[in-house]
Amino acid sequence: IAGTLHGGAIATIIDGAAGILFASSGRKGMTANISINYRKPIPLPSVVLCKAYIERVENRKVYISVSITNGDSQFGTMNDDGDGHEHVEYVHSDALFVEFKKWLIVLSARPREI
């Protein structure tokens, strides 16, 4: 839709935010699955808030929740979407990251001969 952020760009933002959270928790791994619920188009230009939380950890699986909003009461509203200063959740996502097995990390850290 003209004047809105492309869904692929939104998915990239979500994967990036979840990946940064995953890595900052001291883990090494990769994205296994992302489920994205597009609730409302993100108008361009706009300022948004992207929040990511670790929901739970099960062995090597890390479940992460990500939302993109126009802000909330904790931080104050970041932009006016035309309807006043209401809280708007544009996107909600659930992601699964899988931590590499420890032996894989050891093998990948070994120097390679050329």
N, C-alpha and C. Protein backbone atom coordinates (compact mmCIF):
# COMPACT_ATOMS: atom_id res chain seq x y z
N ILE A 1 0.85 -1.17 0.00
CA ILE A 1 0.00 0.00 0.00
C ILE A 1 0.90 1.24 0.00
N ALA A 2 0.62 2.16 -0.86
CA ALA A 2 1.42 3.39 -0.94
C ALA A 2 1.38 4.13 0.38
N GLY A 3 2.54 4.64 0.79
CA GLY A 3 2.62 5.41 2.02
C GLY A 3 2.76 4.57 3.28
N THR A 4 3.01 3.26 3.10
CA THR A 4 3.19 2.38 4.27
C THR A 4 4.47 1.57 4.12
N LEU A 5 4.98 1.08 5.24
CA LEU A 5 6.21 0.31 5.25
C LEU A 5 5.96 -1.10 4.70
N HIS A 6 6.82 -1.57 3.82
CA HIS A 6 6.69 -2.88 3.19
C HIS A 6 6.82 -4.00 4.23
N GLY A 7 6.02 -5.04 4.10
CA GLY A 7 6.02 -6.16 5.03
C GLY A 7 7.36 -6.85 5.15
N GLY A 8 8.12 -6.93 4.05
CA GLY A 8 9.44 -7.54 4.10
C GLY A 8 10.41 -6.73 4.95
N ALA A 9 10.28 -5.41 4.89
CA ALA A 9 11.12 -4.54 5.74
C ALA A 9 10.75 -4.73 7.20
N ILE A 10 9.46 -4.90 7.47
CA ILE A 10 9.00 -5.14 8.85
C ILE A 10 9.57 -6.46 9.36
N ALA A 11 9.52 -7.49 8.53
CA ALA A 11 10.06 -8.80 8.92
C ALA A 11 11.56 -8.71 9.22
N THR A 12 12.27 -7.91 8.44
CA THR A 12 13.71 -7.73 8.67
C THR A 12 13.97 -7.04 10.01
N ILE A 13 13.17 -6.03 10.33
CA ILE A 13 13.30 -5.34 11.61
C ILE A 13 13.05 -6.31 12.76
N ILE A 14 12.00 -7.12 12.63
CA ILE A 14 11.65 -8.08 13.68
C ILE A 14 12.76 -9.11 13.86
N ASP A 15 13.25 -9.68 12.77
CA ASP A 15 14.32 -10.68 12.87
C ASP A 15 15.58 -10.05 13.46
N GLY A 16 15.88 -8.83 13.09
CA GLY A 16 17.05 -8.14 13.63
C GLY A 16 16.92 -7.88 15.12
N ALA A 17 15.77 -7.40 15.57
CA ALA A 17 15.56 -7.12 17.00
C ALA A 17 15.62 -8.41 17.81
N ALA A 18 14.97 -9.46 17.33
CA ALA A 18 14.99 -10.74 18.04
C ALA A 18 16.41 -11.32 18.06
N GLY A 19 17.13 -11.19 16.95
CA GLY A 19 18.49 -11.70 16.87
C GLY A 19 19.44 -10.97 17.80
N ILE A 20 19.28 -9.66 17.92
CA ILE A 20 20.12 -8.88 18.83
C ILE A 20 19.85 -9.30 20.27
N LEU A 21 18.58 -9.48 20.62
CA LEU A 21 18.24 -9.93 21.96
C LEU A 21 18.82 -11.32 22.24
N PHE A 22 18.67 -12.22 21.28
CA PHE A 22 19.19 -13.58 21.41
C PHE A 22 20.71 -13.55 21.63
N ALA A 23 21.43 -12.80 20.81
CA ALA A 23 22.88 -12.72 20.92
C ALA A 23 23.32 -12.04 22.22
N SER A 24 22.58 -11.01 22.63
CA SER A 24 22.96 -10.29 23.85
C SER A 24 22.73 -11.13 25.11
N SER A 25 21.97 -12.22 24.97
CA SER A 25 21.77 -13.11 26.11
C SER A 25 22.93 -14.11 26.24
N GLY A 26 23.95 -13.97 25.36
CA GLY A 26 25.13 -14.81 25.42
C GLY A 26 25.03 -16.10 24.64
N ARG A 27 24.01 -16.21 23.81
CA ARG A 27 23.81 -17.44 23.05
C ARG A 27 24.30 -17.27 21.61
N LYS A 28 24.64 -18.40 20.98
CA LYS A 28 25.00 -18.41 19.57
C LYS A 28 24.06 -19.38 18.88
N GLY A 29 23.43 -18.93 17.82
CA GLY A 29 22.48 -19.78 17.11
C GLY A 29 21.86 -19.05 15.95
N MET A 30 20.65 -19.44 15.60
CA MET A 30 20.00 -18.84 14.44
C MET A 30 18.49 -18.89 14.56
N THR A 31 17.84 -18.12 13.69
CA THR A 31 16.38 -18.11 13.62
C THR A 31 15.89 -19.43 13.07
N ALA A 32 14.91 -20.04 13.74
CA ALA A 32 14.30 -21.27 13.25
C ALA A 32 12.93 -20.98 12.65
N ASN A 33 12.20 -20.03 13.25
CA ASN A 33 10.85 -19.74 12.78
C ASN A 33 10.42 -18.36 13.25
N ILE A 34 9.71 -17.66 12.39
CA ILE A 34 9.10 -16.38 12.79
C ILE A 34 7.67 -16.37 12.29
N SER A 35 6.74 -16.06 13.19
CA SER A 35 5.33 -15.90 12.85
C SER A 35 4.98 -14.44 13.06
N ILE A 36 4.48 -13.78 12.01
CA ILE A 36 4.22 -12.34 12.07
C ILE A 36 2.74 -12.07 11.85
N ASN A 37 2.15 -11.31 12.77
CA ASN A 37 0.76 -10.86 12.63
C ASN A 37 0.78 -9.36 12.33
N TYR A 38 0.44 -9.02 11.09
CA TYR A 38 0.39 -7.62 10.67
C TYR A 38 -1.00 -7.10 11.06
N ARG A 39 -1.07 -6.22 12.06
CA ARG A 39 -2.36 -5.77 12.59
C ARG A 39 -2.85 -4.47 11.95
N LYS A 40 -1.90 -3.59 11.63
CA LYS A 40 -2.26 -2.30 11.04
C LYS A 40 -1.07 -1.81 10.23
N PRO A 41 -1.28 -1.23 9.05
CA PRO A 41 -0.14 -0.73 8.26
C PRO A 41 0.64 0.34 9.03
N ILE A 42 1.96 0.31 8.86
CA ILE A 42 2.82 1.33 9.47
C ILE A 42 2.95 2.47 8.47
N PRO A 43 2.43 3.65 8.83
CA PRO A 43 2.49 4.78 7.89
C PRO A 43 3.91 5.31 7.74
N LEU A 44 4.19 5.81 6.55
CA LEU A 44 5.48 6.46 6.28
C LEU A 44 5.26 7.94 6.02
N PRO A 45 6.05 8.81 6.56
CA PRO A 45 7.08 8.53 7.58
C PRO A 45 6.43 8.39 8.95
N SER A 46 7.10 7.67 9.84
CA SER A 46 6.65 7.57 11.23
C SER A 46 7.82 7.11 12.10
N VAL A 47 7.65 7.30 13.39
CA VAL A 47 8.61 6.82 14.37
C VAL A 47 7.92 5.70 15.12
N VAL A 48 8.59 4.55 15.26
CA VAL A 48 7.98 3.41 15.93
C VAL A 48 8.90 2.89 17.03
N LEU A 49 8.32 2.10 17.91
CA LEU A 49 9.07 1.46 18.98
C LEU A 49 9.01 -0.04 18.76
N CYS A 50 10.17 -0.68 18.72
CA CYS A 50 10.24 -2.13 18.54
C CYS A 50 10.74 -2.72 19.86
N LYS A 51 9.91 -3.58 20.47
CA LYS A 51 10.27 -4.19 21.75
C LYS A 51 10.35 -5.70 21.59
N ALA A 52 11.39 -6.30 22.16
CA ALA A 52 11.57 -7.75 22.10
C ALA A 52 11.79 -8.29 23.51
N TYR A 53 11.16 -9.43 23.78
CA TYR A 53 11.26 -10.07 25.09
C TYR A 53 11.52 -11.56 24.91
N ILE A 54 12.34 -12.12 25.78
CA ILE A 54 12.48 -13.58 25.82
C ILE A 54 11.31 -14.10 26.65
N GLU A 55 10.45 -14.88 26.02
CA GLU A 55 9.28 -15.42 26.69
C GLU A 55 9.64 -16.64 27.54
N ARG A 56 10.44 -17.54 26.96
CA ARG A 56 10.86 -18.73 27.70
C ARG A 56 12.02 -19.39 26.98
N VAL A 57 12.72 -20.25 27.73
CA VAL A 57 13.85 -21.00 27.19
C VAL A 57 13.62 -22.47 27.53
N GLU A 58 13.70 -23.32 26.52
CA GLU A 58 13.56 -24.77 26.69
C GLU A 58 14.77 -25.44 26.05
N ASN A 59 15.72 -25.83 26.89
CA ASN A 59 16.98 -26.41 26.41
C ASN A 59 17.64 -25.45 25.43
N ARG A 60 17.78 -25.83 24.16
CA ARG A 60 18.44 -24.97 23.17
C ARG A 60 17.45 -24.05 22.45
N LYS A 61 16.17 -24.17 22.74
CA LYS A 61 15.15 -23.34 22.08
C LYS A 61 14.87 -22.08 22.90
N VAL A 62 14.89 -20.93 22.23
CA VAL A 62 14.60 -19.65 22.88
C VAL A 62 13.42 -19.02 22.16
N TYR A 63 12.33 -18.80 22.89
CA TYR A 63 11.11 -18.22 22.34
C TYR A 63 11.09 -16.73 22.63
N ILE A 64 10.97 -15.94 21.57
CA ILE A 64 11.05 -14.48 21.68
C ILE A 64 9.78 -13.85 21.12
N SER A 65 9.27 -12.86 21.83
CA SER A 65 8.10 -12.10 21.39
C SER A 65 8.56 -10.70 20.99
N VAL A 66 8.07 -10.22 19.85
CA VAL A 66 8.45 -8.89 19.35
C VAL A 66 7.19 -8.12 18.97
N SER A 67 7.15 -6.85 19.33
CA SER A 67 6.03 -6.00 18.89
C SER A 67 6.58 -4.69 18.37
N ILE A 68 5.86 -4.13 17.41
CA ILE A 68 6.17 -2.81 16.87
C ILE A 68 4.94 -1.95 17.12
N THR A 69 5.16 -0.85 17.87
CA THR A 69 4.06 0.05 18.23
C THR A 69 4.45 1.50 17.96
N ASN A 70 3.49 2.38 18.20
CA ASN A 70 3.79 3.80 18.11
C ASN A 70 4.22 4.35 19.46
N GLY A 71 4.52 3.48 20.42
CA GLY A 71 4.91 3.86 21.77
C GLY A 71 3.87 3.35 22.74
N ASP A 72 4.12 3.50 24.04
CA ASP A 72 3.14 3.10 25.04
C ASP A 72 3.24 4.01 26.24
N SER A 73 2.43 3.76 27.24
CA SER A 73 2.38 4.64 28.40
C SER A 73 3.69 4.68 29.16
N GLN A 74 4.49 3.61 29.10
CA GLN A 74 5.76 3.59 29.81
C GLN A 74 6.74 4.62 29.23
N PHE A 75 6.74 4.77 27.91
CA PHE A 75 7.69 5.68 27.26
C PHE A 75 7.01 6.94 26.75
N GLY A 76 5.70 7.01 26.82
CA GLY A 76 4.97 8.12 26.23
C GLY A 76 4.73 7.84 24.77
N THR A 77 3.72 8.47 24.20
CA THR A 77 3.41 8.26 22.79
C THR A 77 4.48 8.89 21.92
N MET A 78 4.93 8.15 20.91
CA MET A 78 6.02 8.62 20.08
C MET A 78 5.53 9.37 18.85
N ASN A 79 4.31 9.09 18.41
CA ASN A 79 3.79 9.85 17.27
C ASN A 79 2.28 9.88 17.32
N ASP A 80 1.72 10.80 16.63
CA ASP A 80 0.27 10.96 16.55
C ASP A 80 -0.17 10.36 15.24
N ASP A 81 -0.98 9.29 15.29
CA ASP A 81 -1.38 8.61 14.07
C ASP A 81 -2.64 9.21 13.45
N GLY A 82 -3.03 10.39 13.89
CA GLY A 82 -4.21 11.03 13.32
C GLY A 82 -5.44 10.87 14.19
N ASP A 83 -5.42 9.91 15.11
CA ASP A 83 -6.56 9.67 15.99
C ASP A 83 -6.26 10.13 17.41
N GLY A 84 -5.38 11.09 17.57
CA GLY A 84 -4.97 11.50 18.90
C GLY A 84 -3.75 10.72 19.33
N HIS A 85 -3.59 10.56 20.62
CA HIS A 85 -2.41 9.90 21.15
C HIS A 85 -2.72 8.50 21.67
N GLU A 86 -3.36 7.70 20.90
CA GLU A 86 -3.70 6.35 21.32
C GLU A 86 -2.57 5.37 21.04
N HIS A 87 -2.50 4.32 21.86
CA HIS A 87 -1.52 3.25 21.67
C HIS A 87 -1.93 2.41 20.47
N VAL A 88 -1.00 2.19 19.54
CA VAL A 88 -1.28 1.38 18.36
C VAL A 88 -0.22 0.29 18.25
N GLU A 89 -0.65 -0.96 18.22
CA GLU A 89 0.28 -2.06 17.94
C GLU A 89 0.13 -2.40 16.46
N TYR A 90 1.18 -2.10 15.70
CA TYR A 90 1.15 -2.36 14.27
C TYR A 90 1.40 -3.83 13.95
N VAL A 91 2.36 -4.42 14.66
CA VAL A 91 2.78 -5.78 14.35
C VAL A 91 3.09 -6.51 15.65
N HIS A 92 2.74 -7.80 15.70
CA HIS A 92 3.17 -8.67 16.79
C HIS A 92 3.76 -9.93 16.18
N SER A 93 4.85 -10.41 16.77
CA SER A 93 5.53 -11.56 16.22
C SER A 93 6.02 -12.49 17.33
N ASP A 94 6.00 -13.78 17.02
CA ASP A 94 6.59 -14.78 17.89
C ASP A 94 7.70 -15.45 17.09
N ALA A 95 8.87 -15.53 17.68
CA ALA A 95 10.03 -16.09 16.99
C ALA A 95 10.63 -17.21 17.83
N LEU A 96 11.20 -18.18 17.13
CA LEU A 96 11.93 -19.27 17.77
C LEU A 96 13.36 -19.23 17.28
N PHE A 97 14.29 -19.14 18.21
CA PHE A 97 15.72 -19.22 17.90
C PHE A 97 16.25 -20.50 18.51
N VAL A 98 17.19 -21.12 17.83
CA VAL A 98 17.79 -22.36 18.31
C VAL A 98 19.28 -22.13 18.53
N GLU A 99 19.72 -22.47 19.73
CA GLU A 99 21.13 -22.32 20.06
C GLU A 99 21.92 -23.47 19.44
N PHE A 100 23.09 -23.14 18.87
CA PHE A 100 23.95 -24.17 18.30
C PHE A 100 24.37 -25.15 19.38
N LYS A 101 24.61 -26.39 18.97
CA LYS A 101 25.16 -27.37 19.90
C LYS A 101 26.58 -26.95 20.25
N LYS A 102 26.99 -27.20 21.47
CA LYS A 102 28.30 -26.76 21.95
C LYS A 102 29.45 -27.27 21.08
N TRP A 103 29.37 -28.52 20.61
CA TRP A 103 30.46 -29.06 19.79
C TRP A 103 30.57 -28.34 18.46
N LEU A 104 29.47 -27.82 17.93
CA LEU A 104 29.50 -27.08 16.67
C LEU A 104 30.23 -25.76 16.85
N ILE A 105 30.03 -25.11 17.99
CA ILE A 105 30.71 -23.85 18.27
C ILE A 105 32.22 -24.08 18.37
N VAL A 106 32.62 -25.16 19.02
CA VAL A 106 34.05 -25.49 19.15
C VAL A 106 34.66 -25.75 17.78
N LEU A 107 33.98 -26.54 16.94
CA LEU A 107 34.51 -26.82 15.61
C LEU A 107 34.63 -25.56 14.75
N SER A 108 33.65 -24.68 14.83
CA SER A 108 33.68 -23.49 14.00
C SER A 108 34.75 -22.49 14.48
N ALA A 109 35.20 -22.62 15.71
CA ALA A 109 36.22 -21.71 16.25
C ALA A 109 37.64 -22.14 15.87
N ARG A 110 37.80 -23.33 15.35
CA ARG A 110 39.12 -23.83 14.98
C ARG A 110 39.62 -23.12 13.72
N PRO A 111 40.90 -22.75 13.68
CA PRO A 111 41.46 -22.11 12.48
C PRO A 111 41.46 -23.07 11.29
N ARG A 112 41.24 -22.53 10.13
CA ARG A 112 41.24 -23.35 8.90
C ARG A 112 42.51 -23.12 8.11
N GLU A 113 42.98 -24.18 7.50
CA GLU A 113 44.16 -24.06 6.65
C GLU A 113 43.73 -23.61 5.26
N ILE A 114 44.58 -22.83 4.63
CA ILE A 114 44.28 -22.34 3.28
C ILE A 114 45.07 -23.13 2.27
